[in-house]
Amino acid sequence: MVPVWLILIPLLTGLVSFILKDAKTVKAWALLSSLITLALIVAGNWFFKADSLQFSATWVAGLGSKFSFSLDGMGKMLCLLTAVSFPVIFIAVNRNEYKKANSFYALMLLMQAGLMGVFAASDALLFYFFWELALIPAYFLCSIWGGEKRIQVTFKFFVYTFVGSLLMLCGIIYLYFQTADQSFSLQSFYHLHLTDQQQYSLFWLFFIAFAIKMPIFPFHTWQPDAYEQSPTAVTMVLSGVMVKMGIFAVIRWLVPVFPQAVSHFSNVVIILSVTGMIYASLIAIKQDDVKRLIAYSSIAHIGLMCAAIFSQTNIGTQGVVIQMFNHGINVIGLWIVADAIEQQLGTRKFSELGGLAQKAPTLAILLVVLAFANIALPLTNAFIGEFLMFNGLFQYNVWIAAVAGVSIILGAVYTLNMVQKVFYGNTVAITESAVEIGSNIKLALIVLVLMIIVLGIYPQPMFNLLNP
C-alpha cells in the first residue's frame, strides 16, 4: 500500500488546498503534506516489508488494465528524490508571494502525486495516466505564475510534450494488441516477441516522447525558455525531478521492451547525447543569466545520463540511477541560490552582479559546495555517479567517452565562472544593498549541502537502496 499512499497524500491534500484561503495556512498545509510523504517513503524504503511496496487491483477490467504499482530499487530512489525535493522547495520559497497561493500550492501537490505515480506504475495505461497528470499542473503553473513571455513559452512546452505523449500512446496501444492476454501489464510487455522491424518503428515512438521530456539534443529547445519563464519553485521541480521521468522511462520501458532496437540505434542516440553535452556546455559558457546557465548545464548532465544508458553496460546504468538522485539534489540547490539572488536584488545577470560574498558569506559558502557538486568534484555526491557513467561509456567506445569527457572541463569553466562573477571581486551598486539570506533559504540549502557531502563521502546507502 505504500505506493498508493505516496500518491493519495499529495493528491488529497492538493485538492484540499484549493479551498484554503489564507496564504500562510496553505503554505503550512503543503509543507506538512510533503513532510508526511517524505516520512512514508523513508519508512517504506528502510523499515517496511517488501510486499508493502506492491499493490494491484482491478482498474479497467474490460481493457485488461490494473491499478498496479511496484517499487523496485530505481522506483524507490526516484520516489525518495521526489519526496525530498518538495519540502525543501516549499521551505526555500516560503517567503515568496504568489497570487492565489492556494491554487499554486494545490497544483504543486498534484504535480507531486503525478510524479509518484509515474515512478511506481507497473501498468502501461496507468503509467500514461500519471505521465499526463504530472504535466497538466505544470502547464497551469507556468502559464499563470510565469514571467512576461510565459504564454508563448508554455505553448511551446505544451506542443512538444503533447506530440511526444501522443506518439507514446500510439505505441502503448499497438503493444497492447500484441500481448497474448490483451494486457497493459509491464511484465506482458517484457515478454512480447516483436520482430526487428516492429521494434525499430516502435522504438522511435517511445524514444521521442522520452527524449522530449529529458530533454536531449535536438529535442531540447523548449527547455531553457521554460526554465527561465517558470516560477522558480516550478523550475526546481521541472529540472530536479520531472526530467527524470524521461530517463526513468527509457530504463523501465524502452530498453527491456525493445532490446534489438536499442542495440541497433545506440550509436545514433549516444552521438546525439554527446553532441548535446558539448553544445549545451558551450552555450552555458556564453550565458549572462544565472537561470539560463543552470538550464543549459542540466541539458549537459542529462545528455551524459542518456549516453550511459545506451552504452548498455550494467555499471553505466547503475551510475545513471544514482546520478538521477544526485543531480536532482544539486540542481535544486542551484535554483534556490538563483531565486535568492533574484528575489533580493531583482536581477540574475552576471554583468550586473559582483562581490556578493562580502554581503552574504553564508550563501557564498553554500554555493561553492553546490558548484563543486555540479562539476562532480571527488567527495561530492555527483562524483560516484559520473565515474560509473564514464566507466560505462569507456567500455562502449573509448573515443566517444573521450569526447564526452570534454564536457567535464567545460562544466568547470562555466560553473566556476558564475561563482567568480557573481560572488567575488568588488561589490557593485546593486550588491551594495545585499544582505545575508533568510533562515528558510539557509535551512533548505544546508539540508542539500549536507546530503551532497554525506553521499559524496559515503555513497553505500544509495547502492543498498538500488539492490532490489
Protein backbone atom coordinates (compact mmCIF):
# COMPACT_ATOMS: atom_id res chain seq x y z
CA MET A 1 0.00 0.00 0.00
CA VAL A 2 2.97 2.37 0.31
CA PRO A 3 2.91 3.40 -3.39
CA VAL A 4 -0.82 4.15 -3.17
CA TRP A 5 -0.37 6.40 -0.15
CA LEU A 6 2.57 8.16 -1.81
CA ILE A 7 0.08 9.22 -4.49
CA LEU A 8 -3.01 9.74 -2.32
CA ILE A 9 -1.38 12.02 0.28
CA PRO A 10 -0.29 14.79 -2.16
CA LEU A 11 -3.38 14.22 -4.31
CA LEU A 12 -5.90 14.64 -1.49
CA THR A 13 -4.01 17.42 0.30
CA GLY A 14 -3.63 19.17 -3.06
CA LEU A 15 -7.39 19.07 -3.62
CA VAL A 16 -7.98 20.40 -0.09
CA SER A 17 -5.51 23.24 -0.78
CA PHE A 18 -7.88 24.67 -3.38
CA ILE A 19 -10.40 25.55 -0.65
CA LEU A 20 -7.89 27.07 1.78
CA LYS A 21 -7.90 30.86 1.51
CA ASP A 22 -5.15 32.10 3.84
CA ALA A 23 -1.69 32.07 2.21
CA LYS A 24 0.15 31.19 5.44
CA THR A 25 -2.23 28.33 6.13
CA VAL A 26 -1.87 26.83 2.66
CA LYS A 27 1.94 27.09 2.81
CA ALA A 28 1.99 25.25 6.14
CA TRP A 29 -0.50 22.69 4.82
CA ALA A 30 1.59 21.98 1.71
CA LEU A 31 4.78 21.66 3.79
CA LEU A 32 3.07 19.30 6.25
CA SER A 33 1.79 17.15 3.37
CA SER A 34 5.24 16.93 1.80
CA LEU A 35 6.88 16.01 5.13
CA ILE A 36 4.36 13.21 5.71
CA THR A 37 5.08 11.89 2.20
CA LEU A 38 8.81 12.03 2.92
CA ALA A 39 8.38 10.14 6.21
CA LEU A 40 6.33 7.48 4.41
CA ILE A 41 8.89 6.79 1.65
CA VAL A 42 11.73 6.69 4.20
CA ALA A 43 9.79 4.16 6.26
CA GLY A 44 8.86 2.21 3.12
CA ASN A 45 12.44 2.07 1.89
CA TRP A 46 14.13 1.02 5.11
CA PHE A 47 11.60 -0.26 7.64
CA PHE A 48 8.57 -1.83 5.90
CA LYS A 49 8.47 -5.30 4.37
CA ALA A 50 8.96 -5.68 0.61
CA ASP A 51 5.33 -6.70 -0.01
CA SER A 52 4.18 -3.30 1.27
CA LEU A 53 5.82 -1.76 -1.81
CA GLN A 54 3.49 -3.67 -4.16
CA PHE A 55 -0.17 -3.09 -4.92
CA SER A 56 -2.57 -4.38 -7.55
CA ALA A 57 -6.32 -4.02 -8.03
CA THR A 58 -8.75 -4.13 -10.93
CA TRP A 59 -8.97 -0.79 -12.70
CA VAL A 60 -10.37 -1.07 -16.25
CA ALA A 61 -11.21 -4.77 -16.41
CA GLY A 62 -12.57 -4.64 -19.96
CA LEU A 63 -9.19 -3.44 -21.25
CA GLY A 64 -7.06 -5.68 -19.08
CA SER A 65 -5.61 -2.71 -17.22
CA LYS A 66 -4.89 -2.87 -13.50
CA PHE A 67 -4.31 -0.29 -10.80
CA SER A 68 -0.87 -1.81 -10.33
CA PHE A 69 2.18 -0.37 -8.57
CA SER A 70 5.59 -1.80 -7.74
CA LEU A 71 8.63 -0.08 -6.27
CA ASP A 72 11.96 -1.66 -7.17
CA GLY A 73 15.33 -0.09 -6.37
CA MET A 74 15.06 2.58 -9.07
CA GLY A 75 11.44 3.38 -8.21
CA LYS A 76 12.34 3.78 -4.53
CA MET A 77 15.27 6.04 -5.42
CA LEU A 78 13.15 8.38 -7.55
CA CYS A 79 10.19 8.43 -5.17
CA LEU A 80 12.68 9.38 -2.45
CA LEU A 81 14.05 12.17 -4.66
CA THR A 82 10.51 13.47 -5.25
CA ALA A 83 9.69 13.27 -1.55
CA VAL A 84 12.91 15.08 -0.52
CA SER A 85 12.56 17.78 -3.16
CA PHE A 86 9.11 19.13 -2.33
CA PRO A 87 9.58 20.05 1.36
CA VAL A 88 12.96 21.60 0.51
CA ILE A 89 11.32 23.66 -2.25
CA PHE A 90 8.40 24.69 -0.03
CA ILE A 91 10.82 25.82 2.70
CA ALA A 92 13.02 27.71 0.23
CA VAL A 93 10.14 29.68 -1.35
CA ASN A 94 8.18 30.14 1.87
CA ARG A 95 8.61 33.93 1.81
CA ASN A 96 7.77 34.29 -1.87
CA GLU A 97 4.33 35.71 -2.51
CA TYR A 98 2.05 34.16 -5.14
CA LYS A 99 -1.32 35.43 -6.25
CA LYS A 100 -3.96 32.76 -5.49
CA ALA A 101 -1.47 30.94 -3.29
CA ASN A 102 -3.99 28.17 -2.63
CA SER A 103 -4.16 27.27 -6.32
CA PHE A 104 -0.37 27.49 -6.69
CA TYR A 105 0.37 25.07 -3.85
CA ALA A 106 -2.54 22.81 -4.81
CA LEU A 107 -1.14 22.39 -8.32
CA MET A 108 2.35 21.76 -6.91
CA LEU A 109 1.00 18.92 -4.77
CA LEU A 110 -0.97 17.47 -7.70
CA MET A 111 2.25 17.51 -9.71
CA GLN A 112 3.95 15.57 -6.90
CA ALA A 113 1.15 12.98 -6.99
CA GLY A 114 1.62 12.57 -10.74
CA LEU A 115 5.37 12.11 -10.38
CA MET A 116 4.96 9.46 -7.70
CA GLY A 117 2.53 7.61 -9.97
CA VAL A 118 4.96 7.65 -12.90
CA PHE A 119 7.78 6.18 -10.83
CA ALA A 120 5.58 3.48 -9.23
CA ALA A 121 3.23 2.36 -12.05
CA SER A 122 3.67 -1.15 -13.44
CA ASP A 123 0.78 -0.90 -15.91
CA ALA A 124 1.31 0.96 -19.19
CA LEU A 125 -2.10 2.68 -19.25
CA LEU A 126 -1.67 3.72 -15.62
CA PHE A 127 1.84 4.95 -16.41
CA TYR A 128 0.46 7.10 -19.24
CA PHE A 129 -2.30 8.45 -16.98
CA PHE A 130 0.18 9.64 -14.36
CA TRP A 131 2.59 10.90 -17.05
CA GLU A 132 -0.14 13.32 -18.12
CA LEU A 133 -1.23 14.05 -14.54
CA ALA A 134 2.29 15.26 -13.75
CA LEU A 135 2.41 17.51 -16.84
CA ILE A 136 -1.01 19.19 -16.66
CA PRO A 137 -0.37 21.09 -13.38
CA ALA A 138 3.00 22.20 -14.82
CA TYR A 139 1.23 23.85 -17.79
CA PHE A 140 -1.05 25.86 -15.49
CA LEU A 141 1.73 26.78 -13.07
CA CYS A 142 3.93 28.08 -15.89
CA SER A 143 1.18 29.91 -17.76
CA ILE A 144 -0.37 31.64 -14.70
CA TRP A 145 2.64 32.39 -12.46
CA GLY A 146 5.43 32.59 -15.05
CA GLY A 147 7.36 35.54 -16.50
CA GLU A 148 6.45 38.04 -19.19
CA LYS A 149 6.83 35.56 -22.07
CA ARG A 150 5.08 32.75 -20.22
CA ILE A 151 2.19 32.26 -22.68
CA GLN A 152 4.27 31.58 -25.80
CA VAL A 153 6.83 29.57 -23.80
CA THR A 154 4.14 27.42 -22.18
CA PHE A 155 2.50 26.89 -25.58
CA LYS A 156 5.80 25.63 -26.98
CA PHE A 157 6.24 23.39 -23.93
CA PHE A 158 2.70 22.07 -24.43
CA VAL A 159 3.16 21.36 -28.15
CA TYR A 160 6.41 19.47 -27.61
CA THR A 161 5.14 17.35 -24.74
CA PHE A 162 1.70 16.78 -26.31
CA VAL A 163 3.23 15.45 -29.52
CA GLY A 164 5.55 13.20 -27.50
CA SER A 165 2.70 11.91 -25.34
CA LEU A 166 0.57 11.19 -28.42
CA LEU A 167 3.37 9.17 -30.02
CA MET A 168 3.85 7.20 -26.81
CA LEU A 169 0.10 6.49 -26.53
CA CYS A 170 0.06 5.14 -30.09
CA GLY A 171 2.97 2.86 -29.20
CA ILE A 172 1.29 1.65 -25.99
CA ILE A 173 -1.95 0.80 -27.83
CA TYR A 174 -0.03 -1.13 -30.52
CA LEU A 175 1.88 -3.13 -27.90
CA TYR A 176 -1.38 -3.86 -26.05
CA PHE A 177 -2.74 -5.63 -29.13
CA GLN A 178 0.47 -7.66 -29.43
CA THR A 179 0.22 -9.14 -25.93
CA ALA A 180 -1.08 -12.69 -25.60
CA ASP A 181 -3.57 -11.81 -22.86
CA GLN A 182 -4.59 -8.30 -24.10
CA SER A 183 -2.93 -6.63 -21.13
CA PHE A 184 -1.17 -3.35 -20.32
CA SER A 185 0.98 -5.07 -17.69
CA LEU A 186 4.66 -4.21 -17.69
CA GLN A 187 5.52 -7.90 -17.48
CA SER A 188 3.31 -8.64 -20.51
CA PHE A 189 5.23 -6.01 -22.46
CA TYR A 190 8.52 -7.54 -21.33
CA HIS A 191 7.51 -10.95 -22.70
CA LEU A 192 6.49 -9.72 -26.16
CA HIS A 193 8.15 -11.33 -29.17
CA LEU A 194 8.43 -8.47 -31.65
CA THR A 195 10.18 -8.62 -34.99
CA ASP A 196 13.20 -6.40 -35.51
CA GLN A 197 11.20 -4.16 -37.85
CA GLN A 198 8.42 -3.73 -35.29
CA GLN A 199 10.98 -2.83 -32.65
CA TYR A 200 12.71 -0.30 -34.90
CA SER A 201 9.44 1.53 -35.62
CA LEU A 202 8.08 1.41 -32.07
CA PHE A 203 11.42 2.44 -30.59
CA TRP A 204 11.11 5.92 -32.09
CA LEU A 205 7.52 6.40 -30.91
CA PHE A 206 8.64 5.90 -27.33
CA PHE A 207 12.12 7.38 -27.56
CA ILE A 208 10.95 10.72 -28.99
CA ALA A 209 8.42 11.07 -26.15
CA PHE A 210 11.08 10.34 -23.54
CA ALA A 211 13.77 12.43 -25.30
CA ILE A 212 11.49 15.49 -25.26
CA LYS A 213 10.89 15.08 -21.56
CA MET A 214 14.58 14.64 -20.64
CA PRO A 215 15.35 16.65 -22.92
CA ILE A 216 18.29 15.72 -25.16
CA PHE A 217 19.57 17.32 -28.35
CA PRO A 218 17.79 18.15 -30.68
CA PHE A 219 14.53 17.90 -28.68
CA HIS A 220 15.72 20.38 -26.04
CA THR A 221 14.68 23.77 -27.44
CA TRP A 222 11.63 24.17 -25.18
CA GLN A 223 13.69 23.75 -22.02
CA PRO A 224 15.83 26.90 -21.47
CA ASP A 225 12.89 29.24 -22.12
CA ALA A 226 10.54 27.19 -19.94
CA TYR A 227 13.04 27.14 -17.07
CA GLU A 228 13.65 30.87 -17.39
CA GLN A 229 9.97 31.89 -17.55
CA SER A 230 8.53 29.47 -14.98
CA PRO A 231 8.28 30.46 -11.32
CA THR A 232 11.48 29.20 -9.70
CA ALA A 233 9.63 26.70 -7.48
CA VAL A 234 8.20 25.11 -10.62
CA THR A 235 11.57 25.23 -12.38
CA MET A 236 13.06 23.31 -9.45
CA VAL A 237 10.52 20.53 -9.96
CA LEU A 238 10.91 20.53 -13.75
CA SER A 239 14.71 20.41 -13.59
CA GLY A 240 15.23 18.41 -10.41
CA VAL A 241 12.53 15.77 -10.72
CA MET A 242 10.38 15.91 -13.85
CA VAL A 243 13.20 15.44 -16.38
CA LYS A 244 13.94 12.16 -14.57
CA MET A 245 10.61 10.85 -15.91
CA GLY A 246 12.20 10.53 -19.35
CA ILE A 247 15.38 8.83 -18.12
CA PHE A 248 13.40 6.51 -15.85
CA ALA A 249 11.05 5.59 -18.71
CA VAL A 250 13.96 4.71 -21.00
CA ILE A 251 15.35 2.28 -18.41
CA ARG A 252 12.00 0.87 -17.28
CA TRP A 253 10.03 0.73 -20.56
CA LEU A 254 12.26 1.27 -23.61
CA VAL A 255 15.40 -0.82 -23.05
CA PRO A 256 13.71 -4.06 -21.85
CA VAL A 257 10.84 -3.98 -24.38
CA PHE A 258 12.92 -3.13 -27.49
CA PRO A 259 16.39 -4.65 -26.86
CA GLN A 260 17.25 -5.20 -30.55
CA ALA A 261 16.23 -1.66 -31.45
CA VAL A 262 18.26 -0.24 -28.56
CA SER A 263 21.36 -2.09 -29.78
CA HIS A 264 20.68 -1.04 -33.39
CA PHE A 265 20.20 2.67 -32.63
CA SER A 266 22.59 3.02 -29.67
CA ASN A 267 25.27 4.76 -31.78
CA VAL A 268 22.76 7.33 -33.05
CA VAL A 269 21.40 8.12 -29.59
CA ILE A 270 24.85 8.30 -27.95
CA ILE A 271 26.14 10.64 -30.67
CA LEU A 272 23.07 12.89 -30.22
CA SER A 273 23.55 12.84 -26.44
CA VAL A 274 27.27 13.66 -26.55
CA THR A 275 26.67 16.36 -29.16
CA GLY A 276 24.09 17.87 -26.82
CA MET A 277 26.54 17.74 -23.91
CA ILE A 278 29.21 19.72 -25.76
CA TYR A 279 26.72 22.08 -27.41
CA ALA A 280 24.91 22.88 -24.15
CA SER A 281 28.20 23.37 -22.29
CA LEU A 282 29.49 25.83 -24.90
CA ILE A 283 26.19 27.75 -24.81
CA ALA A 284 26.34 27.83 -21.00
CA ILE A 285 29.79 29.43 -21.13
CA LYS A 286 28.36 32.35 -23.11
CA GLN A 287 25.38 33.00 -20.80
CA ASP A 288 24.94 36.19 -18.79
CA ASP A 289 21.88 34.89 -16.91
CA VAL A 290 22.15 32.53 -13.93
CA LYS A 291 18.89 30.73 -14.77
CA ARG A 292 19.80 30.06 -18.39
CA LEU A 293 23.26 28.84 -17.37
CA ILE A 294 21.72 26.30 -14.98
CA ALA A 295 19.25 25.25 -17.70
CA TYR A 296 21.99 24.51 -20.24
CA SER A 297 24.08 22.83 -17.55
CA SER A 298 21.15 20.50 -16.90
CA ILE A 299 20.97 19.58 -20.61
CA ALA A 300 24.66 18.58 -20.49
CA HIS A 301 24.18 16.39 -17.40
CA ILE A 302 21.08 14.70 -18.81
CA GLY A 303 22.94 14.03 -22.08
CA LEU A 304 25.58 12.08 -20.17
CA MET A 305 22.90 10.01 -18.43
CA CYS A 306 21.21 9.16 -21.74
CA ALA A 307 24.53 8.20 -23.34
CA ALA A 308 25.40 5.97 -20.38
CA ILE A 309 22.07 4.12 -20.64
CA PHE A 310 22.64 3.35 -24.33
CA SER A 311 26.19 2.14 -23.62
CA GLN A 312 24.24 -0.95 -22.42
CA THR A 313 26.55 -1.66 -19.51
CA ASN A 314 25.38 -2.54 -16.01
CA ILE A 315 27.85 -0.16 -14.40
CA GLY A 316 26.75 2.71 -16.65
CA THR A 317 23.06 2.15 -15.90
CA GLN A 318 23.76 1.90 -12.18
CA GLY A 319 25.60 5.22 -12.40
CA VAL A 320 22.61 6.77 -14.18
CA VAL A 321 20.15 5.78 -11.46
CA ILE A 322 22.42 7.12 -8.72
CA GLN A 323 23.08 10.29 -10.70
CA MET A 324 19.35 10.92 -11.22
CA PHE A 325 19.02 11.34 -7.46
CA ASN A 326 22.22 13.35 -7.03
CA HIS A 327 21.59 15.65 -10.00
CA GLY A 328 18.15 16.41 -8.61
CA ILE A 329 19.60 17.45 -5.26
CA ASN A 330 22.36 19.56 -6.81
CA VAL A 331 20.30 21.39 -9.41
CA ILE A 332 17.54 22.26 -6.92
CA GLY A 333 20.23 23.82 -4.73
CA LEU A 334 21.47 25.92 -7.65
CA TRP A 335 17.93 27.09 -8.42
CA ILE A 336 17.43 28.09 -4.78
CA VAL A 337 20.56 30.26 -4.98
CA ALA A 338 19.39 31.81 -8.27
CA ASP A 339 15.98 32.57 -6.75
CA ALA A 340 17.53 34.05 -3.57
CA ILE A 341 19.63 36.43 -5.68
CA GLU A 342 16.73 37.45 -7.91
CA GLN A 343 14.27 37.94 -5.04
CA GLN A 344 16.69 40.20 -3.17
CA LEU A 345 18.43 42.10 -5.97
CA GLY A 346 15.93 41.93 -8.84
CA THR A 347 18.45 40.63 -11.39
CA ARG A 348 20.10 37.38 -12.48
CA LYS A 349 22.70 38.84 -14.85
CA PHE A 350 26.40 38.24 -14.16
CA SER A 351 27.27 41.62 -15.68
CA GLU A 352 25.16 43.41 -13.06
CA LEU A 353 26.46 41.48 -10.05
CA GLY A 354 29.73 41.07 -8.15
CA GLY A 355 31.24 40.83 -4.69
CA LEU A 356 28.13 39.20 -3.21
CA ALA A 357 30.29 37.05 -0.90
CA GLN A 358 31.14 40.18 1.10
CA LYS A 359 27.46 40.77 1.85
CA ALA A 360 26.18 37.19 2.05
CA PRO A 361 29.11 34.95 3.07
CA THR A 362 26.90 32.02 4.10
CA LEU A 363 25.25 31.95 0.69
CA ALA A 364 28.68 32.07 -0.96
CA ILE A 365 29.98 29.10 1.07
CA LEU A 366 26.90 27.02 0.30
CA LEU A 367 27.06 27.89 -3.39
CA VAL A 368 30.72 26.85 -3.62
CA VAL A 369 29.78 23.37 -2.33
CA LEU A 370 26.92 23.21 -4.86
CA ALA A 371 29.29 24.35 -7.62
CA PHE A 372 31.81 21.62 -6.72
CA ALA A 373 28.98 19.06 -6.83
CA ASN A 374 27.84 20.41 -10.22
CA ILE A 375 31.27 19.66 -11.67
CA ALA A 376 31.40 16.27 -9.88
CA LEU A 377 34.42 17.00 -7.72
CA PRO A 378 35.58 13.96 -5.69
CA LEU A 379 33.97 13.75 -2.23
CA THR A 380 30.77 15.34 -3.57
CA ASN A 381 27.71 13.21 -4.30
CA ALA A 382 27.92 13.61 -8.10
CA PHE A 383 31.39 12.09 -8.38
CA ILE A 384 30.44 8.44 -7.96
CA GLY A 385 27.58 8.63 -10.47
CA GLU A 386 29.69 10.34 -13.14
CA PHE A 387 32.57 7.94 -12.52
CA LEU A 388 30.29 4.95 -13.13
CA MET A 389 28.68 6.53 -16.20
CA PHE A 390 32.02 7.37 -17.83
CA ASN A 391 33.21 3.87 -16.97
CA GLY A 392 30.24 2.51 -18.92
CA LEU A 393 30.96 4.82 -21.86
CA PHE A 394 34.63 3.80 -21.91
CA GLN A 395 33.57 0.16 -22.10
CA TYR A 396 31.33 1.05 -25.03
CA ASN A 397 33.74 3.26 -27.01
CA VAL A 398 36.90 4.99 -25.80
CA TRP A 399 36.71 7.82 -28.35
CA ILE A 400 33.11 8.68 -27.57
CA ALA A 401 33.95 8.67 -23.86
CA ALA A 402 36.90 10.98 -24.51
CA VAL A 403 34.74 13.49 -26.39
CA ALA A 404 32.09 13.32 -23.66
CA GLY A 405 34.84 13.91 -21.10
CA VAL A 406 35.46 17.37 -22.58
CA SER A 407 32.15 18.40 -21.01
CA ILE A 408 33.75 17.95 -17.56
CA ILE A 409 36.26 20.69 -18.38
CA LEU A 410 33.61 22.91 -19.93
CA GLY A 411 31.38 22.36 -16.91
CA ALA A 412 34.12 23.57 -14.60
CA VAL A 413 34.62 26.64 -16.80
CA TYR A 414 31.02 27.86 -16.78
CA THR A 415 30.26 26.88 -13.19
CA LEU A 416 33.33 28.48 -11.62
CA ASN A 417 32.96 31.48 -13.92
CA MET A 418 29.46 32.02 -12.49
CA VAL A 419 30.75 31.75 -8.91
CA GLN A 420 33.56 34.19 -9.60
CA LYS A 421 31.48 36.83 -11.39
CA VAL A 422 28.52 36.79 -9.02
CA PHE A 423 30.18 36.31 -5.63
CA TYR A 424 33.77 37.50 -5.82
CA GLY A 425 35.58 40.65 -6.82
CA ASN A 426 34.38 44.12 -5.83
CA THR A 427 30.79 44.90 -4.97
CA VAL A 428 28.76 46.95 -7.45
CA ALA A 429 25.88 49.36 -6.97
CA ILE A 430 23.24 46.61 -6.87
CA THR A 431 25.10 44.28 -4.50
CA GLU A 432 25.99 47.08 -2.06
CA SER A 433 22.45 46.77 -0.68
CA ALA A 434 22.56 42.96 -0.39
CA VAL A 435 22.08 41.25 2.97
CA GLU A 436 22.52 37.69 4.24
CA ILE A 437 19.96 35.11 3.12
CA GLY A 438 16.89 34.38 5.25
CA SER A 439 16.65 31.45 7.63
CA ASN A 440 14.30 29.49 5.38
CA ILE A 441 16.67 29.59 2.40
CA LYS A 442 19.61 28.85 4.68
CA LEU A 443 17.83 25.78 6.09
CA ALA A 444 16.92 24.43 2.64
CA LEU A 445 20.46 24.86 1.32
CA ILE A 446 22.11 23.39 4.42
CA VAL A 447 19.96 20.25 4.10
CA LEU A 448 21.01 19.85 0.45
CA VAL A 449 24.68 20.59 1.14
CA LEU A 450 24.78 18.02 3.96
CA MET A 451 23.34 15.42 1.59
CA ILE A 452 25.97 16.34 -1.02
CA ILE A 453 28.82 15.88 1.47
CA VAL A 454 27.50 12.76 3.22
CA LEU A 455 26.64 10.92 -0.01
CA GLY A 456 29.94 12.05 -1.51
CA ILE A 457 31.97 10.59 1.34
CA TYR A 458 29.78 7.51 1.93
CA PRO A 459 27.58 6.58 -1.08
CA GLN A 460 26.97 2.98 0.05
CA PRO A 461 23.36 3.63 1.24
CA MET A 462 22.45 4.50 -2.35
CA PHE A 463 23.87 1.21 -3.64
CA ASN A 464 21.97 -0.65 -0.91
CA LEU A 465 18.75 1.06 -1.98
CA LEU A 466 19.35 0.00 -5.58
CA ASN A 467 19.88 -3.69 -4.81
CA PRO A 468 16.25 -4.75 -5.44
